[in-house]
Amino acid sequence: MIRGRGTIRIEVLNDASRSSAEMARDVRAGLLSVPKDLSPWPKYFYDERGSELFEEITALPEYYQARAELSILRETADEIVERAQCRELIELGSGSASKTCALLDTMRKTGDRSGYAIRYVPVDVSESVLRESAERLLEEYPGLEISGFVGDFDRSLGRLLGGPGDGGRLVIFLGGTFGNFTPQRRRSFLGELRAGLREGDHLLLGVDLVKDARTLVAAYDDGAGVTARFNKNLLEVLNERLGGEFCPDLFVHRVVYNLRERRIEMWLFSEVEQTVEIAGLELEASFRAGEGMRTEISAKFTHEGVDRMFDEAGLTLLDWRTDGLGLYGLALGGPRKVK
């Protein structure tokens, strides 16, 4: 058993008014772009309902990513924890923390042998999901110290990684969410993350790999229509938070693979000519019949590409693991030492 007495502390990272103003700015820019494009801001999918739908997606037969990633973690958790020598696990976009136990199990055993407590720092935009997962983990790991943060980690990395310390932290960013960022944002994110890592800290990054288009498209256009509901739920978020008057039934979910960019793109296409009022933006968004709005991108990667991105950010790729079918990859890196 983990030594000490377990605790849960939850803190809100972002000021609500600032977050709302930022969302209004982002959505306005996306609706006025050509084509309409909300994909640079995947965080707006994840209200409580969006988070629930995404958890359903991860269990779908077409959605191989979650299973492949978990298989790698189960096989390599001991080696990852041994190499990282981590006492603290920081999870960006933690969600239900369904895969975290593979690492916490090994960290607990190491902590028990060495006589120290371990700490888990989950970060997620959904407070209800965060609290539920924290309570579940504390039941399973009675001595675990949990310091959760509600909010957008994308603009809070400095706060999350700042402060005194002597290394020993493992930052994990799983689920392929890294691929939802634009290329520019991927570079800046890794650079910001590298700036917050100290000697002895490590990063574990999950990435979906380049593969045949049929497998990729099926993972985002499942037969049960769960991903379509997840995509359309974004319109409900815009209605709730920005006073929009979107009717999801007037839009259809479509998925394409952009071969040149090596990425999946999710779109919502208007089935009719319509004008949608968004009161919070003082904006009317006009759609032609058949006009599409891109809602998400999901880039696919190669070993060589991840190695290059790490190097450009000042990180060293220390280990690279894939599942047995080569569908998904986990990259372990650390800050490159300055000579």
Protein backbone atom coordinates (compact mmCIF):
# COMPACT_ATOMS: atom_id res chain seq x y z
CA MET A 1 0.00 0.00 0.00
CA ILE A 2 1.18 3.54 -0.72
CA ARG A 3 2.61 5.08 2.41
CA GLY A 4 0.77 7.97 4.04
CA ARG A 5 -2.80 9.14 3.84
CA GLY A 6 -4.45 9.84 0.50
CA THR A 7 -5.86 13.25 -0.36
CA ILE A 8 -7.79 14.92 -3.19
CA ARG A 9 -7.38 18.61 -3.93
CA ILE A 10 -9.10 20.20 -6.94
CA GLU A 11 -8.26 23.68 -8.19
CA VAL A 12 -9.76 25.67 -11.06
CA LEU A 13 -7.06 26.90 -13.41
CA ASN A 14 -8.80 29.39 -15.67
CA ASP A 15 -11.01 32.36 -14.88
CA ALA A 16 -14.50 31.70 -16.28
CA SER A 17 -14.96 35.16 -17.81
CA ARG A 18 -11.58 35.00 -19.51
CA SER A 19 -12.33 31.52 -20.85
CA SER A 20 -15.68 32.69 -22.25
CA ALA A 21 -14.09 35.70 -23.92
CA GLU A 22 -11.43 33.48 -25.44
CA MET A 23 -14.05 31.06 -26.75
CA ALA A 24 -16.04 33.90 -28.29
CA ARG A 25 -12.92 35.18 -30.06
CA ASP A 26 -11.96 31.71 -31.32
CA VAL A 27 -15.42 30.77 -32.59
CA ARG A 28 -15.93 34.13 -34.29
CA ALA A 29 -12.64 33.71 -36.13
CA GLY A 30 -13.54 30.16 -37.13
CA LEU A 31 -17.00 31.02 -38.44
CA LEU A 32 -15.66 33.94 -40.47
CA SER A 33 -12.83 31.93 -42.04
CA VAL A 34 -13.05 30.31 -45.46
CA PRO A 35 -13.82 27.48 -45.19
CA LYS A 36 -15.44 27.74 -41.77
CA ASP A 37 -13.00 26.08 -39.39
CA LEU A 38 -13.27 25.34 -35.65
CA SER A 39 -10.63 22.60 -35.70
CA PRO A 40 -7.81 24.68 -34.11
CA TRP A 41 -9.76 24.57 -30.82
CA PRO A 42 -10.58 20.91 -30.04
CA LYS A 43 -11.04 21.74 -26.35
CA TYR A 44 -14.56 23.05 -27.04
CA PHE A 45 -15.82 19.53 -27.71
CA TYR A 46 -15.40 18.56 -24.08
CA ASP A 47 -18.32 19.72 -22.05
CA GLU A 48 -19.75 17.05 -19.75
CA ARG A 49 -21.76 15.41 -22.56
CA GLY A 50 -18.83 15.59 -24.96
CA SER A 51 -16.57 13.89 -22.44
CA GLU A 52 -19.15 11.12 -21.94
CA LEU A 53 -19.45 10.57 -25.68
CA PHE A 54 -15.71 10.43 -26.12
CA GLU A 55 -15.49 7.71 -23.46
CA GLU A 56 -18.06 5.77 -25.50
CA ILE A 57 -15.94 6.27 -28.62
CA THR A 58 -12.87 4.75 -26.98
CA ALA A 59 -14.78 1.49 -26.44
CA LEU A 60 -15.99 1.17 -30.05
CA PRO A 61 -14.63 -1.70 -32.16
CA GLU A 62 -13.52 0.71 -34.91
CA TYR A 63 -11.60 2.93 -32.50
CA TYR A 64 -8.34 1.02 -32.17
CA GLN A 65 -6.34 3.83 -30.55
CA ALA A 66 -7.39 3.32 -26.92
CA ARG A 67 -6.86 -0.44 -27.03
CA ALA A 68 -3.50 -0.17 -28.80
CA GLU A 69 -2.24 2.48 -26.40
CA LEU A 70 -3.33 0.50 -23.34
CA SER A 71 -1.62 -2.62 -24.65
CA ILE A 72 1.67 -0.73 -24.97
CA LEU A 73 1.32 0.75 -21.48
CA ARG A 74 0.63 -2.64 -19.92
CA GLU A 75 3.68 -4.13 -21.60
CA THR A 76 6.10 -1.29 -20.92
CA ALA A 77 4.93 0.46 -17.73
CA ASP A 78 7.66 -1.10 -15.59
CA GLU A 79 10.36 0.01 -18.03
CA ILE A 80 8.90 3.52 -18.39
CA VAL A 81 8.70 4.12 -14.63
CA GLU A 82 12.15 2.62 -14.10
CA ARG A 83 13.71 4.83 -16.74
CA ALA A 84 11.86 7.98 -15.68
CA GLN A 85 12.41 7.37 -11.94
CA CYS A 86 9.17 9.27 -11.41
CA ARG A 87 7.42 10.03 -8.15
CA GLU A 88 4.87 12.41 -9.67
CA LEU A 89 2.58 11.73 -12.62
CA ILE A 90 1.13 14.79 -14.42
CA GLU A 91 -1.59 13.88 -16.93
CA LEU A 92 -2.71 16.47 -19.46
CA GLY A 93 -6.30 15.91 -20.61
CA SER A 94 -6.79 13.12 -18.09
CA GLY A 95 -10.47 12.38 -18.80
CA SER A 96 -11.52 9.23 -16.96
CA ALA A 97 -7.86 8.26 -16.35
CA SER A 98 -8.73 4.81 -17.66
CA LYS A 99 -5.16 4.03 -18.77
CA THR A 100 -3.36 5.74 -15.92
CA CYS A 101 -3.49 2.73 -13.62
CA ALA A 102 -0.94 0.89 -15.75
CA LEU A 103 1.64 3.47 -14.66
CA LEU A 104 0.32 4.05 -11.13
CA ASP A 105 0.53 0.32 -10.35
CA THR A 106 4.26 0.32 -11.03
CA MET A 107 4.80 3.67 -9.29
CA ARG A 108 3.02 2.32 -6.21
CA LYS A 109 5.25 -0.76 -6.05
CA THR A 110 8.36 1.40 -6.45
CA GLY A 111 7.16 3.84 -3.81
CA ASP A 112 6.39 1.05 -1.36
CA ARG A 113 9.87 -0.42 -1.76
CA SER A 114 11.57 2.97 -1.39
CA GLY A 115 9.31 4.34 1.34
CA TYR A 116 7.94 7.44 -0.40
CA ALA A 117 4.46 8.61 -1.41
CA ILE A 118 3.53 9.19 -5.02
CA ARG A 119 1.52 12.05 -6.44
CA TYR A 120 -0.95 12.22 -9.32
CA VAL A 121 -1.76 15.55 -11.02
CA PRO A 122 -4.67 15.19 -13.49
CA VAL A 123 -5.72 18.14 -15.65
CA ASP A 124 -9.04 18.20 -17.52
CA VAL A 125 -11.65 20.70 -18.72
CA SER A 126 -14.54 18.74 -17.16
CA GLU A 127 -14.73 19.15 -13.39
CA SER A 128 -17.29 16.38 -12.95
CA VAL A 129 -15.17 13.86 -14.87
CA LEU A 130 -12.08 14.95 -12.96
CA ARG A 131 -13.69 14.55 -9.55
CA GLU A 132 -15.24 11.20 -10.43
CA SER A 133 -11.95 9.76 -11.66
CA ALA A 134 -10.04 11.15 -8.65
CA GLU A 135 -12.44 9.54 -6.19
CA ARG A 136 -12.24 6.22 -8.02
CA LEU A 137 -8.44 6.28 -8.03
CA LEU A 138 -8.27 7.11 -4.32
CA GLU A 139 -10.38 4.03 -3.58
CA GLU A 140 -7.96 1.90 -5.57
CA TYR A 141 -4.82 3.65 -4.25
CA PRO A 142 -5.69 4.67 -0.67
CA GLY A 143 -2.48 6.62 -0.02
CA LEU A 144 -2.33 8.48 -3.32
CA GLU A 145 -1.91 12.26 -3.25
CA ILE A 146 -4.14 13.74 -5.98
CA SER A 147 -3.86 17.40 -6.95
CA GLY A 148 -6.29 17.95 -9.81
CA PHE A 149 -6.71 21.02 -11.98
CA VAL A 150 -9.86 21.98 -13.89
CA GLY A 151 -9.21 24.00 -17.01
CA ASP A 152 -7.29 24.40 -20.21
CA PHE A 153 -3.76 23.04 -19.81
CA ASP A 154 -2.93 24.40 -23.26
CA ARG A 155 -2.38 27.87 -21.79
CA SER A 156 -1.43 26.87 -18.25
CA LEU A 157 1.71 24.77 -18.76
CA GLY A 158 3.91 27.35 -17.07
CA ARG A 159 1.78 27.24 -13.94
CA LEU A 160 1.49 23.46 -13.96
CA LEU A 161 5.20 22.83 -14.40
CA GLY A 162 6.62 25.86 -12.57
CA GLY A 163 7.74 26.10 -8.99
CA PRO A 164 10.50 24.46 -7.00
CA GLY A 165 11.45 20.84 -7.38
CA ASP A 166 14.22 18.42 -8.21
CA GLY A 167 12.82 16.47 -11.16
CA GLY A 168 11.21 13.07 -10.94
CA ARG A 169 8.04 14.10 -12.77
CA LEU A 170 6.53 12.19 -15.68
CA VAL A 171 4.22 14.31 -17.85
CA ILE A 172 1.88 12.13 -19.90
CA PHE A 173 -0.22 13.28 -22.86
CA LEU A 174 -2.11 10.25 -24.13
CA GLY A 175 -5.02 9.42 -26.41
CA GLY A 176 -3.56 10.94 -29.56
CA THR A 177 -4.85 14.40 -28.57
CA PHE A 178 -1.52 15.87 -29.66
CA GLY A 179 -2.62 15.20 -33.23
CA ASN A 180 -5.59 17.57 -32.81
CA PHE A 181 -3.20 20.51 -32.75
CA THR A 182 -2.17 22.40 -35.87
CA PRO A 183 1.50 21.98 -36.87
CA GLN A 184 2.35 25.41 -35.46
CA ARG A 185 0.62 24.66 -32.18
CA ARG A 186 2.37 21.29 -31.91
CA ARG A 187 5.74 23.04 -32.19
CA SER A 188 4.85 25.76 -29.66
CA PHE A 189 3.30 23.24 -27.26
CA LEU A 190 6.42 21.06 -27.20
CA GLY A 191 8.58 24.16 -26.81
CA GLU A 192 6.52 25.42 -23.87
CA LEU A 193 6.52 21.99 -22.29
CA ARG A 194 10.28 21.66 -22.71
CA ALA A 195 10.75 25.05 -21.01
CA GLY A 196 8.91 23.74 -17.94
CA LEU A 197 10.76 20.44 -17.65
CA ARG A 198 13.68 20.15 -15.25
CA GLU A 199 16.54 17.72 -15.33
CA GLY A 200 15.13 14.37 -14.27
CA ASP A 201 11.65 15.08 -15.70
CA HIS A 202 10.23 13.12 -18.65
CA LEU A 203 7.45 13.31 -21.22
CA LEU A 204 5.37 10.36 -22.42
CA LEU A 205 3.48 11.24 -25.61
CA GLY A 206 0.86 9.10 -27.36
CA VAL A 207 0.58 9.42 -31.15
CA ASP A 208 -1.55 7.72 -33.77
CA LEU A 209 0.53 6.39 -36.66
CA VAL A 210 0.21 6.74 -40.42
CA LYS A 211 -1.71 3.77 -41.89
CA ASP A 212 -4.24 2.92 -44.58
CA ALA A 213 -7.02 5.47 -45.07
CA ARG A 214 -9.84 2.93 -44.69
CA THR A 215 -8.81 2.04 -41.12
CA LEU A 216 -8.39 5.71 -40.22
CA VAL A 217 -11.74 6.86 -41.61
CA ALA A 218 -13.62 3.99 -39.92
CA ALA A 219 -12.22 5.04 -36.53
CA TYR A 220 -13.88 8.46 -36.88
CA ASP A 221 -17.07 7.38 -38.64
CA ASP A 222 -18.25 4.38 -36.62
CA GLY A 223 -21.25 2.32 -37.55
CA ALA A 224 -23.11 3.14 -34.33
CA GLY A 225 -22.93 6.88 -35.03
CA VAL A 226 -21.34 7.77 -31.68
CA THR A 227 -18.65 9.93 -33.29
CA ALA A 228 -21.33 11.72 -35.31
CA ARG A 229 -23.15 12.57 -32.06
CA PHE A 230 -19.85 13.70 -30.53
CA ASN A 231 -19.24 15.96 -33.52
CA LYS A 232 -22.73 17.44 -33.47
CA ASN A 233 -22.50 17.99 -29.72
CA LEU A 234 -20.07 20.80 -30.53
CA LEU A 235 -23.08 22.71 -31.89
CA GLU A 236 -24.87 22.17 -28.58
CA VAL A 237 -21.83 23.60 -26.79
CA LEU A 238 -21.98 26.70 -29.01
CA ASN A 239 -25.71 27.03 -28.29
CA GLU A 240 -25.20 26.70 -24.53
CA ARG A 241 -22.14 28.90 -24.10
CA LEU A 242 -22.56 31.48 -26.86
CA GLY A 243 -26.32 31.70 -27.29
CA GLY A 244 -26.25 29.97 -30.65
CA GLU A 245 -29.31 28.69 -32.48
CA PHE A 246 -27.74 25.76 -34.30
CA CYS A 247 -30.04 22.84 -35.11
CA PRO A 248 -27.79 19.75 -35.13
CA ASP A 249 -30.35 17.82 -37.21
CA LEU A 250 -29.66 20.19 -40.10
CA PHE A 251 -25.99 19.15 -40.24
CA VAL A 252 -24.42 15.86 -41.31
CA HIS A 253 -21.17 14.36 -40.00
CA ARG A 254 -18.48 13.61 -42.59
CA VAL A 255 -14.90 12.31 -42.32
CA VAL A 256 -12.11 12.58 -44.89
CA TYR A 257 -8.44 11.62 -44.89
CA ASN A 258 -6.21 14.45 -46.10
CA LEU A 259 -3.36 12.48 -47.65
CA ARG A 260 -1.11 15.49 -48.24
CA GLU A 261 -1.33 16.63 -44.60
CA ARG A 262 -1.47 13.06 -43.24
CA ARG A 263 -4.48 13.83 -41.11
CA ILE A 264 -8.10 12.91 -40.56
CA GLU A 265 -10.55 15.81 -40.84
CA MET A 266 -14.03 15.82 -39.30
CA TRP A 267 -16.61 18.12 -40.86
CA LEU A 268 -20.21 19.14 -40.35
CA PHE A 269 -22.03 19.86 -43.62
CA SER A 270 -25.18 21.95 -43.74
CA GLU A 271 -27.99 20.02 -45.40
CA VAL A 272 -29.94 23.20 -46.23
CA GLU A 273 -29.30 26.86 -46.89
CA GLN A 274 -29.58 28.51 -43.50
CA THR A 275 -28.56 31.43 -41.33
CA VAL A 276 -27.69 30.74 -37.69
CA GLU A 277 -27.77 33.50 -35.12
CA ILE A 278 -25.16 33.43 -32.35
CA ALA A 279 -26.33 36.03 -29.85
CA GLY A 280 -23.18 35.96 -27.74
CA LEU A 281 -21.10 36.91 -30.77
CA GLU A 282 -23.65 39.34 -32.23
CA LEU A 283 -23.13 37.35 -35.42
CA GLU A 284 -25.24 35.60 -38.02
CA ALA A 285 -23.43 32.70 -39.68
CA SER A 286 -24.74 31.87 -43.14
CA PHE A 287 -24.40 28.37 -44.63
CA ARG A 288 -25.07 27.35 -48.20
CA ALA A 289 -26.71 23.97 -48.75
CA GLY A 290 -23.82 21.49 -48.75
CA GLU A 291 -21.34 23.92 -47.18
CA GLY A 292 -18.96 22.32 -44.71
CA MET A 293 -17.43 23.47 -41.44
CA ARG A 294 -14.27 21.68 -40.33
CA THR A 295 -14.52 20.77 -36.65
CA GLU A 296 -11.47 18.63 -35.89
CA ILE A 297 -8.17 17.48 -37.34
CA SER A 298 -6.23 14.43 -36.18
CA ALA A 299 -2.70 14.25 -37.54
CA LYS A 300 -0.94 10.90 -37.97
CA PHE A 301 2.76 10.46 -37.30
CA THR A 302 5.85 8.37 -37.99
CA HIS A 303 8.76 7.47 -35.71
CA GLU A 304 11.05 9.73 -37.72
CA GLY A 305 8.61 12.62 -37.56
CA VAL A 306 8.25 12.41 -33.77
CA ASP A 307 12.03 12.20 -33.36
CA ARG A 308 12.40 15.35 -35.46
CA MET A 309 9.74 17.26 -33.49
CA PHE A 310 11.35 16.31 -30.19
CA ASP A 311 14.76 17.41 -31.42
CA GLU A 312 13.44 20.78 -32.64
CA ALA A 313 11.87 21.37 -29.21
CA GLY A 314 15.05 20.55 -27.29
CA LEU A 315 13.89 17.09 -26.25
CA THR A 316 15.69 13.78 -26.64
CA LEU A 317 13.65 10.78 -27.78
CA LEU A 318 14.72 8.12 -25.28
CA ASP A 319 12.37 5.28 -26.15
CA TRP A 320 9.80 4.46 -28.84
CA ARG A 321 7.25 1.67 -28.54
CA THR A 322 4.37 0.54 -30.75
CA ASP A 323 1.65 -2.08 -30.42
CA GLY A 324 1.99 -5.41 -32.18
CA LEU A 325 0.18 -4.19 -35.31
CA GLY A 326 2.07 -0.91 -35.56
CA LEU A 327 -1.10 1.16 -35.25
CA TYR A 328 -0.08 3.44 -32.40
CA GLY A 329 3.08 4.74 -30.77
CA LEU A 330 4.32 5.92 -27.37
CA ALA A 331 7.32 8.24 -27.27
CA LEU A 332 9.31 8.76 -24.08
CA GLY A 333 11.51 11.83 -24.03
CA GLY A 334 13.47 14.06 -21.72
CA PRO A 335 15.03 17.52 -21.84
CA ARG A 336 18.18 17.56 -23.92
CA LYS A 337 21.21 18.34 -21.82
CA VAL A 338 23.05 21.52 -22.72
CA LYS A 339 26.70 20.84 -23.42
